[in-house]
Amino acid sequence: MYKRIRKAREDLGYTREKFAELLDVSVSYMAEVERGRTGISVKMLVKICNLLGLSADYVLFGGERGEDALLLDRIKRLDHKYLPLLNDMITDLLALNEDGSGENSPGSRDSQA
C-alpha cells in the first residue's frame, strides 16, 4: 500500500512536502506513511485516494491497473468545469465512430490488416 501511495504521488509530480500540505498533515507523518512505519485512518485513506485520483481498492490491495483505469484516474483529476467539454468531445467521437469513420470502421487502418 505504502509504495503505491508514494509512486502515485511521484507520478503526479507532488513533492512529499506539497502532498503533506494538501493533506493537512506533517511531512514527517507522510514520510512514515510512505515507509510503512505507521498506519492511516480510513479518513486519511479517503483523502489520499481523492487527491491522487485512485480507488481505495487499488491503494489497499494493488493489482494491475489497465489503461482504462489509468484514463479514468486522469479524468477524475480534471477540474469539474472541464467535464462538460470532455463529455461533448466523447459524444462527438462516438458519433464519428457510429457514422463509419471511427477506427474500427471499414477502411480504417486497423481493419485493413
PDB file of N, CA and C in Angstrom:
ATOM      1  N   MET A   1       0.827  -1.190   0.000  1.00  0.00           N
ATOM      2  CA  MET A   1       0.000   0.000   0.000  1.00  0.00           C
ATOM      3  C   MET A   1       0.871   1.253   0.000  1.00  0.00           C
ATOM      4  N   TYR A   2       1.882   1.268   0.817  1.00  0.00           N
ATOM      5  CA  TYR A   2       2.679   2.471   1.006  1.00  0.00           C
ATOM      6  C   TYR A   2       3.484   2.813  -0.243  1.00  0.00           C
ATOM      7  N   LYS A   3       3.988   1.788  -0.902  1.00  0.00           N
ATOM      8  CA  LYS A   3       4.738   2.028  -2.137  1.00  0.00           C
ATOM      9  C   LYS A   3       3.825   2.577  -3.235  1.00  0.00           C
ATOM     10  N   ARG A   4       2.580   2.114  -3.270  1.00  0.00           N
ATOM     11  CA  ARG A   4       1.629   2.610  -4.275  1.00  0.00           C
ATOM     12  C   ARG A   4       1.307   4.083  -4.043  1.00  0.00           C
ATOM     13  N   ILE A   5       1.175   4.461  -2.777  1.00  0.00           N
ATOM     14  CA  ILE A   5       0.917   5.872  -2.466  1.00  0.00           C
ATOM     15  C   ILE A   5       2.090   6.722  -2.921  1.00  0.00           C
ATOM     16  N   ARG A   6       3.285   6.300  -2.570  1.00  0.00           N
ATOM     17  CA  ARG A   6       4.470   7.086  -2.939  1.00  0.00           C
ATOM     18  C   ARG A   6       4.626   7.174  -4.458  1.00  0.00           C
ATOM     19  N   LYS A   7       4.460   6.049  -5.137  1.00  0.00           N
ATOM     20  CA  LYS A   7       4.613   6.061  -6.595  1.00  0.00           C
ATOM     21  C   LYS A   7       3.582   6.975  -7.248  1.00  0.00           C
ATOM     22  N   ALA A   8       2.335   6.897  -6.804  1.00  0.00           N
ATOM     23  CA  ALA A   8       1.290   7.750  -7.377  1.00  0.00           C
ATOM     24  C   ALA A   8       1.592   9.220  -7.106  1.00  0.00           C
ATOM     25  N   ARG A   9       2.060   9.527  -5.907  1.00  0.00           N
ATOM     26  CA  ARG A   9       2.421  10.910  -5.570  1.00  0.00           C
ATOM     27  C   ARG A   9       3.520  11.411  -6.497  1.00  0.00           C
ATOM     28  N   GLU A  10       4.546  10.594  -6.668  1.00  0.00           N
ATOM     29  CA  GLU A  10       5.665  10.982  -7.527  1.00  0.00           C
ATOM     30  C   GLU A  10       5.237  11.086  -8.985  1.00  0.00           C
ATOM     31  N   ASP A  11       4.380  10.163  -9.434  1.00  0.00           N
ATOM     32  CA  ASP A  11       3.890  10.201 -10.820  1.00  0.00           C
ATOM     33  C   ASP A  11       3.133  11.484 -11.119  1.00  0.00           C
ATOM     34  N   LEU A  12       2.455  12.025 -10.098  1.00  0.00           N
ATOM     35  CA  LEU A  12       1.701  13.268 -10.273  1.00  0.00           C
ATOM     36  C   LEU A  12       2.570  14.511 -10.080  1.00  0.00           C
ATOM     37  N   GLY A  13       3.824  14.288  -9.703  1.00  0.00           N
ATOM     38  CA  GLY A  13       4.751  15.405  -9.557  1.00  0.00           C
ATOM     39  C   GLY A  13       4.670  16.139  -8.228  1.00  0.00           C
ATOM     40  N   TYR A  14       4.010  15.540  -7.244  1.00  0.00           N
ATOM     41  CA  TYR A  14       3.936  16.163  -5.923  1.00  0.00           C
ATOM     42  C   TYR A  14       5.198  15.843  -5.135  1.00  0.00           C
ATOM     43  N   THR A  15       5.792  16.856  -4.538  1.00  0.00           N
ATOM     44  CA  THR A  15       6.840  16.593  -3.557  1.00  0.00           C
ATOM     45  C   THR A  15       6.152  16.079  -2.302  1.00  0.00           C
ATOM     46  N   ARG A  16       6.914  15.451  -1.442  1.00  0.00           N
ATOM     47  CA  ARG A  16       6.324  14.980  -0.191  1.00  0.00           C
ATOM     48  C   ARG A  16       5.803  16.168   0.618  1.00  0.00           C
ATOM     49  N   GLU A  17       6.526  17.292   0.539  1.00  0.00           N
ATOM     50  CA  GLU A  17       6.117  18.487   1.271  1.00  0.00           C
ATOM     51  C   GLU A  17       4.780  19.024   0.771  1.00  0.00           C
ATOM     52  N   LYS A  18       4.629  19.120  -0.538  1.00  0.00           N
ATOM     53  CA  LYS A  18       3.389  19.628  -1.113  1.00  0.00           C
ATOM     54  C   LYS A  18       2.232  18.663  -0.830  1.00  0.00           C
ATOM     55  N   PHE A  19       2.505  17.373  -0.963  1.00  0.00           N
ATOM     56  CA  PHE A  19       1.493  16.349  -0.714  1.00  0.00           C
ATOM     57  C   PHE A  19       1.002  16.432   0.731  1.00  0.00           C
ATOM     58  N   ALA A  20       1.942  16.545   1.675  1.00  0.00           N
ATOM     59  CA  ALA A  20       1.583  16.655   3.092  1.00  0.00           C
ATOM     60  C   ALA A  20       0.762  17.921   3.336  1.00  0.00           C
ATOM     61  N   GLU A  21       1.156  19.009   2.690  1.00  0.00           N
ATOM     62  CA  GLU A  21       0.420  20.268   2.839  1.00  0.00           C
ATOM     63  C   GLU A  21      -1.024  20.114   2.348  1.00  0.00           C
ATOM     64  N   LEU A  22      -1.190  19.499   1.188  1.00  0.00           N
ATOM     65  CA  LEU A  22      -2.526  19.318   0.629  1.00  0.00           C
ATOM     66  C   LEU A  22      -3.401  18.405   1.490  1.00  0.00           C
ATOM     67  N   LEU A  23      -2.760  17.477   2.198  1.00  0.00           N
ATOM     68  CA  LEU A  23      -3.491  16.560   3.081  1.00  0.00           C
ATOM     69  C   LEU A  23      -3.633  17.113   4.494  1.00  0.00           C
ATOM     70  N   ASP A  24      -2.987  18.251   4.750  1.00  0.00           N
ATOM     71  CA  ASP A  24      -3.012  18.888   6.057  1.00  0.00           C
ATOM     72  C   ASP A  24      -2.426  17.986   7.140  1.00  0.00           C
ATOM     73  N   VAL A  25      -1.258  17.388   6.812  1.00  0.00           N
ATOM     74  CA  VAL A  25      -0.509  16.576   7.769  1.00  0.00           C
ATOM     75  C   VAL A  25       0.951  17.021   7.722  1.00  0.00           C
ATOM     76  N   SER A  26       1.733  16.559   8.676  1.00  0.00           N
ATOM     77  CA  SER A  26       3.148  16.920   8.699  1.00  0.00           C
ATOM     78  C   SER A  26       3.928  16.111   7.660  1.00  0.00           C
ATOM     79  N   VAL A  27       5.038  16.666   7.241  1.00  0.00           N
ATOM     80  CA  VAL A  27       5.904  15.967   6.287  1.00  0.00           C
ATOM     81  C   VAL A  27       6.461  14.700   6.929  1.00  0.00           C
ATOM     82  N   SER A  28       6.794  14.769   8.206  1.00  0.00           N
ATOM     83  CA  SER A  28       7.340  13.585   8.882  1.00  0.00           C
ATOM     84  C   SER A  28       6.295  12.468   8.954  1.00  0.00           C
ATOM     85  N   TYR A  29       5.039  12.821   9.176  1.00  0.00           N
ATOM     86  CA  TYR A  29       3.972  11.813   9.178  1.00  0.00           C
ATOM     87  C   TYR A  29       3.872  11.165   7.797  1.00  0.00           C
ATOM     88  N   MET A  30       3.897  11.991   6.755  1.00  0.00           N
ATOM     89  CA  MET A  30       3.784  11.452   5.395  1.00  0.00           C
ATOM     90  C   MET A  30       4.967  10.546   5.074  1.00  0.00           C
ATOM     91  N   ALA A  31       6.151  10.919   5.542  1.00  0.00           N
ATOM     92  CA  ALA A  31       7.332  10.076   5.321  1.00  0.00           C
ATOM     93  C   ALA A  31       7.169   8.730   6.007  1.00  0.00           C
ATOM     94  N   GLU A  32       6.623   8.737   7.218  1.00  0.00           N
ATOM     95  CA  GLU A  32       6.388   7.488   7.949  1.00  0.00           C
ATOM     96  C   GLU A  32       5.341   6.628   7.240  1.00  0.00           C
ATOM     97  N   VAL A  33       4.321   7.261   6.703  1.00  0.00           N
ATOM     98  CA  VAL A  33       3.293   6.522   5.954  1.00  0.00           C
ATOM     99  C   VAL A  33       3.926   5.864   4.736  1.00  0.00           C
ATOM    100  N   GLU A  34       4.706   6.634   3.983  1.00  0.00           N
ATOM    101  CA  GLU A  34       5.298   6.107   2.749  1.00  0.00           C
ATOM    102  C   GLU A  34       6.342   5.032   3.016  1.00  0.00           C
ATOM    103  N   ARG A  35       6.896   4.998   4.198  1.00  0.00           N
ATOM    104  CA  ARG A  35       7.853   3.952   4.565  1.00  0.00           C
ATOM    105  C   ARG A  35       7.158   2.744   5.189  1.00  0.00           C
ATOM    106  N   GLY A  36       5.848   2.854   5.404  1.00  0.00           N
ATOM    107  CA  GLY A  36       5.116   1.746   6.001  1.00  0.00           C
ATOM    108  C   GLY A  36       5.314   1.621   7.494  1.00  0.00           C
ATOM    109  N   ARG A  37       5.781   2.675   8.130  1.00  0.00           N
ATOM    110  CA  ARG A  37       6.053   2.626   9.568  1.00  0.00           C
ATOM    111  C   ARG A  37       4.874   3.050  10.416  1.00  0.00           C
ATOM    112  N   THR A  38       3.864   3.608   9.788  1.00  0.00           N
ATOM    113  CA  THR A  38       2.665   3.995  10.527  1.00  0.00           C
ATOM    114  C   THR A  38       1.445   3.729   9.660  1.00  0.00           C
ATOM    115  N   GLY A  39       0.349   3.411  10.291  1.00  0.00           N
ATOM    116  CA  GLY A  39      -0.885   3.165   9.560  1.00  0.00           C
ATOM    117  C   GLY A  39      -1.611   4.463   9.277  1.00  0.00           C
ATOM    118  N   ILE A  40      -2.694   4.356   8.535  1.00  0.00           N
ATOM    119  CA  ILE A  40      -3.511   5.521   8.252  1.00  0.00           C
ATOM    120  C   ILE A  40      -4.964   5.198   8.582  1.00  0.00           C
ATOM    121  N   SER A  41      -5.686   6.237   8.921  1.00  0.00           N
ATOM    122  CA  SER A  41      -7.104   6.070   9.213  1.00  0.00           C
ATOM    123  C   SER A  41      -7.881   5.946   7.908  1.00  0.00           C
ATOM    124  N   VAL A  42      -9.107   5.508   8.014  1.00  0.00           N
ATOM    125  CA  VAL A  42      -9.977   5.434   6.835  1.00  0.00           C
ATOM    126  C   VAL A  42     -10.167   6.835   6.266  1.00  0.00           C
ATOM    127  N   LYS A  43     -10.328   7.808   7.152  1.00  0.00           N
ATOM    128  CA  LYS A  43     -10.494   9.196   6.711  1.00  0.00           C
ATOM    129  C   LYS A  43      -9.281   9.657   5.899  1.00  0.00           C
ATOM    130  N   MET A  44      -8.083   9.328   6.373  1.00  0.00           N
ATOM    131  CA  MET A  44      -6.867   9.717   5.649  1.00  0.00           C
ATOM    132  C   MET A  44      -6.759   8.945   4.341  1.00  0.00           C
ATOM    133  N   LEU A  45      -7.142   7.685   4.333  1.00  0.00           N
ATOM    134  CA  LEU A  45      -7.132   6.897   3.098  1.00  0.00           C
ATOM    135  C   LEU A  45      -8.017   7.551   2.046  1.00  0.00           C
ATOM    136  N   VAL A  46      -9.193   7.989   2.453  1.00  0.00           N
ATOM    137  CA  VAL A  46     -10.114   8.644   1.520  1.00  0.00           C
ATOM    138  C   VAL A  46      -9.499   9.935   0.986  1.00  0.00           C
ATOM    139  N   LYS A  47      -8.881  10.724   1.865  1.00  0.00           N
ATOM    140  CA  LYS A  47      -8.252  11.976   1.423  1.00  0.00           C
ATOM    141  C   LYS A  47      -7.126  11.698   0.421  1.00  0.00           C
ATOM    142  N   ILE A  48      -6.315  10.686   0.712  1.00  0.00           N
ATOM    143  CA  ILE A  48      -5.211  10.331  -0.185  1.00  0.00           C
ATOM    144  C   ILE A  48      -5.753   9.860  -1.534  1.00  0.00           C
ATOM    145  N   CYS A  49      -6.744   8.993  -1.505  1.00  0.00           N
ATOM    146  CA  CYS A  49      -7.329   8.481  -2.748  1.00  0.00           C
ATOM    147  C   CYS A  49      -7.921   9.605  -3.587  1.00  0.00           C
ATOM    148  N   ASN A  50      -8.637  10.518  -2.947  1.00  0.00           N
ATOM    149  CA  ASN A  50      -9.225  11.638  -3.678  1.00  0.00           C
ATOM    150  C   ASN A  50      -8.158  12.525  -4.298  1.00  0.00           C
ATOM    151  N   LEU A  51      -7.114  12.804  -3.554  1.00  0.00           N
ATOM    152  CA  LEU A  51      -6.051  13.670  -4.051  1.00  0.00           C
ATOM    153  C   LEU A  51      -5.285  13.020  -5.199  1.00  0.00           C
ATOM    154  N   LEU A  52      -5.064  11.716  -5.101  1.00  0.00           N
ATOM    155  CA  LEU A  52      -4.293  11.005  -6.131  1.00  0.00           C
ATOM    156  C   LEU A  52      -5.162  10.478  -7.265  1.00  0.00           C
ATOM    157  N   GLY A  53      -6.478  10.539  -7.090  1.00  0.00           N
ATOM    158  CA  GLY A  53      -7.377  10.023  -8.128  1.00  0.00           C
ATOM    159  C   GLY A  53      -7.334   8.511  -8.225  1.00  0.00           C
ATOM    160  N   LEU A  54      -7.162   7.854  -7.086  1.00  0.00           N
ATOM    161  CA  LEU A  54      -7.069   6.395  -7.050  1.00  0.00           C
ATOM    162  C   LEU A  54      -8.230   5.808  -6.268  1.00  0.00           C
ATOM    163  N   SER A  55      -8.550   4.562  -6.548  1.00  0.00           N
ATOM    164  CA  SER A  55      -9.563   3.872  -5.754  1.00  0.00           C
ATOM    165  C   SER A  55      -8.900   3.326  -4.489  1.00  0.00           C
ATOM    166  N   ALA A  56      -9.706   3.207  -3.441  1.00  0.00           N
ATOM    167  CA  ALA A  56      -9.198   2.624  -2.199  1.00  0.00           C
ATOM    168  C   ALA A  56      -8.783   1.169  -2.424  1.00  0.00           C
ATOM    169  N   ASP A  57      -9.518   0.448  -3.281  1.00  0.00           N
ATOM    170  CA  ASP A  57      -9.154  -0.935  -3.595  1.00  0.00           C
ATOM    171  C   ASP A  57      -7.737  -1.022  -4.132  1.00  0.00           C
ATOM    172  N   TYR A  58      -7.412  -0.126  -5.076  1.00  0.00           N
ATOM    173  CA  TYR A  58      -6.068  -0.155  -5.652  1.00  0.00           C
ATOM    174  C   TYR A  58      -5.021   0.185  -4.599  1.00  0.00           C
ATOM    175  N   VAL A  59      -5.257   1.222  -3.810  1.00  0.00           N
ATOM    176  CA  VAL A  59      -4.275   1.620  -2.804  1.00  0.00           C
ATOM    177  C   VAL A  59      -4.065   0.499  -1.795  1.00  0.00           C
ATOM    178  N   LEU A  60      -5.147  -0.118  -1.353  1.00  0.00           N
ATOM    179  CA  LEU A  60      -5.038  -1.155  -0.329  1.00  0.00           C
ATOM    180  C   LEU A  60      -4.510  -2.482  -0.859  1.00  0.00           C
ATOM    181  N   PHE A  61      -5.006  -2.907  -2.019  1.00  0.00           N
ATOM    182  CA  PHE A  61      -4.730  -4.260  -2.487  1.00  0.00           C
ATOM    183  C   PHE A  61      -3.857  -4.354  -3.727  1.00  0.00           C
ATOM    184  N   GLY A  62      -3.672  -3.246  -4.414  1.00  0.00           N
ATOM    185  CA  GLY A  62      -2.826  -3.244  -5.604  1.00  0.00           C
ATOM    186  C   GLY A  62      -3.495  -3.910  -6.773  1.00  0.00           C
ATOM    187  N   GLY A  63      -2.721  -4.622  -7.533  1.00  0.00           N
ATOM    188  CA  GLY A  63      -3.238  -5.264  -8.726  1.00  0.00           C
ATOM    189  C   GLY A  63      -2.854  -4.459  -9.952  1.00  0.00           C
ATOM    190  N   GLU A  64      -3.012  -5.088 -11.059  1.00  0.00           N
ATOM    191  CA  GLU A  64      -2.698  -4.419 -12.315  1.00  0.00           C
ATOM    192  C   GLU A  64      -3.707  -3.327 -12.592  1.00  0.00           C
ATOM    193  N   ARG A  65      -3.224  -2.234 -13.085  1.00  0.00           N
ATOM    194  CA  ARG A  65      -4.102  -1.136 -13.475  1.00  0.00           C
ATOM    195  C   ARG A  65      -4.014  -1.019 -14.986  1.00  0.00           C
ATOM    196  N   GLY A  66      -5.089  -1.355 -15.644  1.00  0.00           N
ATOM    197  CA  GLY A  66      -5.128  -1.293 -17.091  1.00  0.00           C
ATOM    198  C   GLY A  66      -5.218   0.136 -17.587  1.00  0.00           C
ATOM    199  N   GLU A  67      -5.131   0.271 -18.895  1.00  0.00           N
ATOM    200  CA  GLU A  67      -5.207   1.604 -19.498  1.00  0.00           C
ATOM    201  C   GLU A  67      -6.517   2.303 -19.167  1.00  0.00           C
ATOM    202  N   ASP A  68      -7.613   1.549 -19.107  1.00  0.00           N
ATOM    203  CA  ASP A  68      -8.903   2.157 -18.784  1.00  0.00           C
ATOM    204  C   ASP A  68      -8.874   2.766 -17.388  1.00  0.00           C
ATOM    205  N   ALA A  69      -8.299   2.058 -16.433  1.00  0.00           N
ATOM    206  CA  ALA A  69      -8.231   2.567 -15.061  1.00  0.00           C
ATOM    207  C   ALA A  69      -7.343   3.802 -14.990  1.00  0.00           C
ATOM    208  N   LEU A  70      -6.245   3.791 -15.726  1.00  0.00           N
ATOM    209  CA  LEU A  70      -5.355   4.948 -15.727  1.00  0.00           C
ATOM    210  C   LEU A  70      -6.048   6.162 -16.341  1.00  0.00           C
ATOM    211  N   LEU A  71      -6.774   5.937 -17.424  1.00  0.00           N
ATOM    212  CA  LEU A  71      -7.505   7.025 -18.061  1.00  0.00           C
ATOM    213  C   LEU A  71      -8.580   7.575 -17.133  1.00  0.00           C
ATOM    214  N   LEU A  72      -9.288   6.697 -16.473  1.00  0.00           N
ATOM    215  CA  LEU A  72     -10.316   7.128 -15.532  1.00  0.00           C
ATOM    216  C   LEU A  72      -9.709   7.933 -14.390  1.00  0.00           C
ATOM    217  N   ASP A  73      -8.555   7.522 -13.899  1.00  0.00           N
ATOM    218  CA  ASP A  73      -7.876   8.271 -12.844  1.00  0.00           C
ATOM    219  C   ASP A  73      -7.520   9.671 -13.321  1.00  0.00           C
ATOM    220  N   ARG A  74      -7.070   9.787 -14.557  1.00  0.00           N
ATOM    221  CA  ARG A  74      -6.735  11.108 -15.104  1.00  0.00           C
ATOM    222  C   ARG A  74      -7.979  11.977 -15.221  1.00  0.00           C
ATOM    223  N   ILE A  75      -9.084  11.396 -15.652  1.00  0.00           N
ATOM    224  CA  ILE A  75     -10.331  12.147 -15.771  1.00  0.00           C
ATOM    225  C   ILE A  75     -10.789  12.636 -14.406  1.00  0.00           C
ATOM    226  N   LYS A  76     -10.647  11.795 -13.393  1.00  0.00           N
ATOM    227  CA  LYS A  76     -11.068  12.175 -12.042  1.00  0.00           C
ATOM    228  C   LYS A  76     -10.283  13.359 -11.505  1.00  0.00           C
ATOM    229  N   ARG A  77      -9.076  13.566 -12.000  1.00  0.00           N
ATOM    230  CA  ARG A  77      -8.258  14.675 -11.517  1.00  0.00           C
ATOM    231  C   ARG A  77      -8.564  15.988 -12.237  1.00  0.00           C
ATOM    232  N   LEU A  78      -9.388  15.948 -13.281  1.00  0.00           N
ATOM    233  CA  LEU A  78      -9.737  17.172 -14.001  1.00  0.00           C
ATOM    234  C   LEU A  78     -10.570  18.097 -13.127  1.00  0.00           C
ATOM    235  N   ASP A  79     -10.397  19.381 -13.348  1.00  0.00           N
ATOM    236  CA  ASP A  79     -11.273  20.363 -12.716  1.00  0.00           C
ATOM    237  C   ASP A  79     -12.675  20.119 -13.256  1.00  0.00           C
ATOM    238  N   HIS A  80     -13.661  20.149 -12.386  1.00  0.00           N
ATOM    239  CA  HIS A  80     -15.035  19.826 -12.778  1.00  0.00           C
ATOM    240  C   HIS A  80     -15.572  20.739 -13.869  1.00  0.00           C
ATOM    241  N   LYS A  81     -15.014  21.920 -14.009  1.00  0.00           N
ATOM    242  CA  LYS A  81     -15.507  22.825 -15.042  1.00  0.00           C
ATOM    243  C   LYS A  81     -15.198  22.304 -16.450  1.00  0.00           C
ATOM    244  N   TYR A  82     -14.237  21.373 -16.569  1.00  0.00           N
ATOM    245  CA  TYR A  82     -13.888  20.821 -17.881  1.00  0.00           C
ATOM    246  C   TYR A  82     -14.682  19.572 -18.243  1.00  0.00           C
ATOM    247  N   LEU A  83     -15.403  19.019 -17.303  1.00  0.00           N
ATOM    248  CA  LEU A  83     -16.128  17.773 -17.563  1.00  0.00           C
ATOM    249  C   LEU A  83     -17.194  17.903 -18.659  1.00  0.00           C
ATOM    250  N   PRO A  84     -17.965  19.001 -18.721  1.00  0.00           N
ATOM    251  CA  PRO A  84     -18.917  19.122 -19.837  1.00  0.00           C
ATOM    252  C   PRO A  84     -18.211  19.137 -21.205  1.00  0.00           C
ATOM    253  N   LEU A  85     -17.069  19.795 -21.286  1.00  0.00           N
ATOM    254  CA  LEU A  85     -16.312  19.813 -22.535  1.00  0.00           C
ATOM    255  C   LEU A  85     -15.828  18.410 -22.885  1.00  0.00           C
ATOM    256  N   LEU A  86     -15.310  17.690 -21.906  1.00  0.00           N
ATOM    257  CA  LEU A  86     -14.862  16.320 -22.137  1.00  0.00           C
ATOM    258  C   LEU A  86     -16.026  15.444 -22.587  1.00  0.00           C
ATOM    259  N   ASN A  87     -17.176  15.596 -21.945  1.00  0.00           N
ATOM    260  CA  ASN A  87     -18.354  14.823 -22.313  1.00  0.00           C
ATOM    261  C   ASN A  87     -18.764  15.123 -23.757  1.00  0.00           C
ATOM    262  N   ASP A  88     -18.739  16.401 -24.147  1.00  0.00           N
ATOM    263  CA  ASP A  88     -19.082  16.774 -25.531  1.00  0.00           C
ATOM    264  C   ASP A  88     -18.094  16.150 -26.526  1.00  0.00           C
ATOM    265  N   MET A  89     -16.824  16.162 -26.174  1.00  0.00           N
ATOM    266  CA  MET A  89     -15.809  15.586 -27.063  1.00  0.00           C
ATOM    267  C   MET A  89     -16.031  14.084 -27.236  1.00  0.00           C
ATOM    268  N   ILE A  90     -16.319  13.400 -26.139  1.00  0.00           N
ATOM    269  CA  ILE A  90     -16.559  11.952 -26.206  1.00  0.00           C
ATOM    270  C   ILE A  90     -17.798  11.664 -27.038  1.00  0.00           C
ATOM    271  N   THR A  91     -18.848  12.447 -26.835  1.00  0.00           N
ATOM    272  CA  THR A  91     -20.081  12.279 -27.618  1.00  0.00           C
ATOM    273  C   THR A  91     -19.809  12.454 -29.098  1.00  0.00           C
ATOM    274  N   ASP A  92     -19.037  13.479 -29.460  1.00  0.00           N
ATOM    275  CA  ASP A  92     -18.704  13.725 -30.868  1.00  0.00           C
ATOM    276  C   ASP A  92     -17.869  12.586 -31.454  1.00  0.00           C
ATOM    277  N   LEU A  93     -16.913  12.093 -30.678  1.00  0.00           N
ATOM    278  CA  LEU A  93     -16.079  10.993 -31.163  1.00  0.00           C
ATOM    279  C   LEU A  93     -16.891   9.716 -31.352  1.00  0.00           C
ATOM    280  N   LEU A  94     -17.797   9.453 -30.447  1.00  0.00           N
ATOM    281  CA  LEU A  94     -18.656   8.275 -30.588  1.00  0.00           C
ATOM    282  C   LEU A  94     -19.567   8.407 -31.809  1.00  0.00           C
ATOM    283  N   ALA A  95     -20.055   9.622 -32.054  1.00  0.00           N
ATOM    284  CA  ALA A  95     -20.897   9.850 -33.242  1.00  0.00           C
ATOM    285  C   ALA A  95     -20.093   9.612 -34.510  1.00  0.00           C
ATOM    286  N   LEU A  96     -18.844  10.045 -34.531  1.00  0.00           N
ATOM    287  CA  LEU A  96     -17.983   9.785 -35.690  1.00  0.00           C
ATOM    288  C   LEU A  96     -17.793   8.301 -35.895  1.00  0.00           C
ATOM    289  N   ASN A  97     -17.578   7.593 -34.804  1.00  0.00           N
ATOM    290  CA  ASN A  97     -17.384   6.147 -34.868  1.00  0.00           C
ATOM    291  C   ASN A  97     -18.637   5.447 -35.404  1.00  0.00           C
ATOM    292  N   GLU A  98     -19.805   5.886 -34.935  1.00  0.00           N
ATOM    293  CA  GLU A  98     -21.064   5.292 -35.393  1.00  0.00           C
ATOM    294  C   GLU A  98     -21.372   5.623 -36.843  1.00  0.00           C
ATOM    295  N   ASP A  99     -20.850   6.744 -37.322  1.00  0.00           N
ATOM    296  CA  ASP A  99     -21.065   7.137 -38.716  1.00  0.00           C
ATOM    297  C   ASP A  99     -20.156   6.376 -39.678  1.00  0.00           C
ATOM    298  N   GLY A 100     -19.302   5.522 -39.145  1.00  0.00           N
ATOM    299  CA  GLY A 100     -18.438   4.729 -40.013  1.00  0.00           C
ATOM    300  C   GLY A 100     -17.071   5.329 -40.237  1.00  0.00           C
ATOM    301  N   SER A 101     -16.765   6.390 -39.558  1.00  0.00           N
ATOM    302  CA  SER A 101     -15.448   6.988 -39.744  1.00  0.00           C
ATOM    303  C   SER A 101     -14.527   6.755 -38.559  1.00  0.00           C
ATOM    304  N   GLY A 102     -14.909   5.886 -37.641  1.00  0.00           N
ATOM    305  CA  GLY A 102     -14.093   5.578 -36.464  1.00  0.00           C
ATOM    306  C   GLY A 102     -13.018   4.573 -36.792  1.00  0.00           C
ATOM    307  N   GLU A 103     -12.188   4.258 -35.802  1.00  0.00           N
ATOM    308  CA  GLU A 103     -11.037   3.392 -36.041  1.00  0.00           C
ATOM    309  C   GLU A 103     -11.419   1.964 -36.398  1.00  0.00           C
ATOM    310  N   ASN A 104     -12.577   1.503 -36.006  1.00  0.00           N
ATOM    311  CA  ASN A 104     -12.959   0.129 -36.314  1.00  0.00           C
ATOM    312  C   ASN A 104     -13.879   0.025 -37.525  1.00  0.00           C
ATOM    313  N   SER A 105     -14.047   1.128 -38.211  1.00  0.00           N
ATOM    314  CA  SER A 105     -14.926   1.111 -39.369  1.00  0.00           C
ATOM    315  C   SER A 105     -14.199   0.575 -40.591  1.00  0.00           C
ATOM    316  N   PRO A 106     -14.948   0.125 -41.619  1.00  0.00           N
ATOM    317  CA  PRO A 106     -14.299  -0.340 -42.840  1.00  0.00           C
ATOM    318  C   PRO A 106     -13.456   0.787 -43.441  1.00  0.00           C
ATOM    319  N   GLY A 107     -12.278   0.417 -43.856  1.00  0.00           N
ATOM    320  CA  GLY A 107     -11.389   1.389 -44.472  1.00  0.00           C
ATOM    321  C   GLY A 107     -10.410   2.028 -43.502  1.00  0.00           C
ATOM    322  N   SER A 108     -10.578   1.779 -42.218  1.00  0.00           N
ATOM    323  CA  SER A 108      -9.607   2.323 -41.275  1.00  0.00           C
ATOM    324  C   SER A 108      -8.363   1.447 -41.298  1.00  0.00           C
ATOM    325  N   ARG A 109      -7.275   2.005 -40.768  1.00  0.00           N
ATOM    326  CA  ARG A 109      -6.001   1.283 -40.799  1.00  0.00           C
ATOM    327  C   ARG A 109      -6.088  -0.062 -40.110  1.00  0.00           C
ATOM    328  N   ASP A 110      -6.748  -0.130 -38.944  1.00  0.00           N
ATOM    329  CA  ASP A 110      -6.815  -1.379 -38.190  1.00  0.00           C
ATOM    330  C   ASP A 110      -7.584  -2.458 -38.940  1.00  0.00           C
ATOM    331  N   SER A 111      -8.575  -2.075 -39.742  1.00  0.00           N
ATOM    332  CA  SER A 111      -9.384  -3.092 -40.408  1.00  0.00           C
ATOM    333  C   SER A 111      -8.793  -3.508 -41.756  1.00  0.00           C
ATOM    334  N   GLN A 112      -7.703  -2.896 -42.169  1.00  0.00           N
ATOM    335  CA  GLN A 112      -7.103  -3.229 -43.456  1.00  0.00           C
ATOM    336  C   GLN A 112      -6.063  -4.331 -43.353  1.00  0.00           C
ATOM    337  N   ALA A 113      -5.843  -4.862 -42.176  1.00  0.00           N
ATOM    338  CA  ALA A 113      -4.808  -5.883 -41.967  1.00  0.00           C
ATOM    339  C   ALA A 113      -5.098  -7.147 -42.718  1.00  0.00           C
TER     340      ALA A 113
END
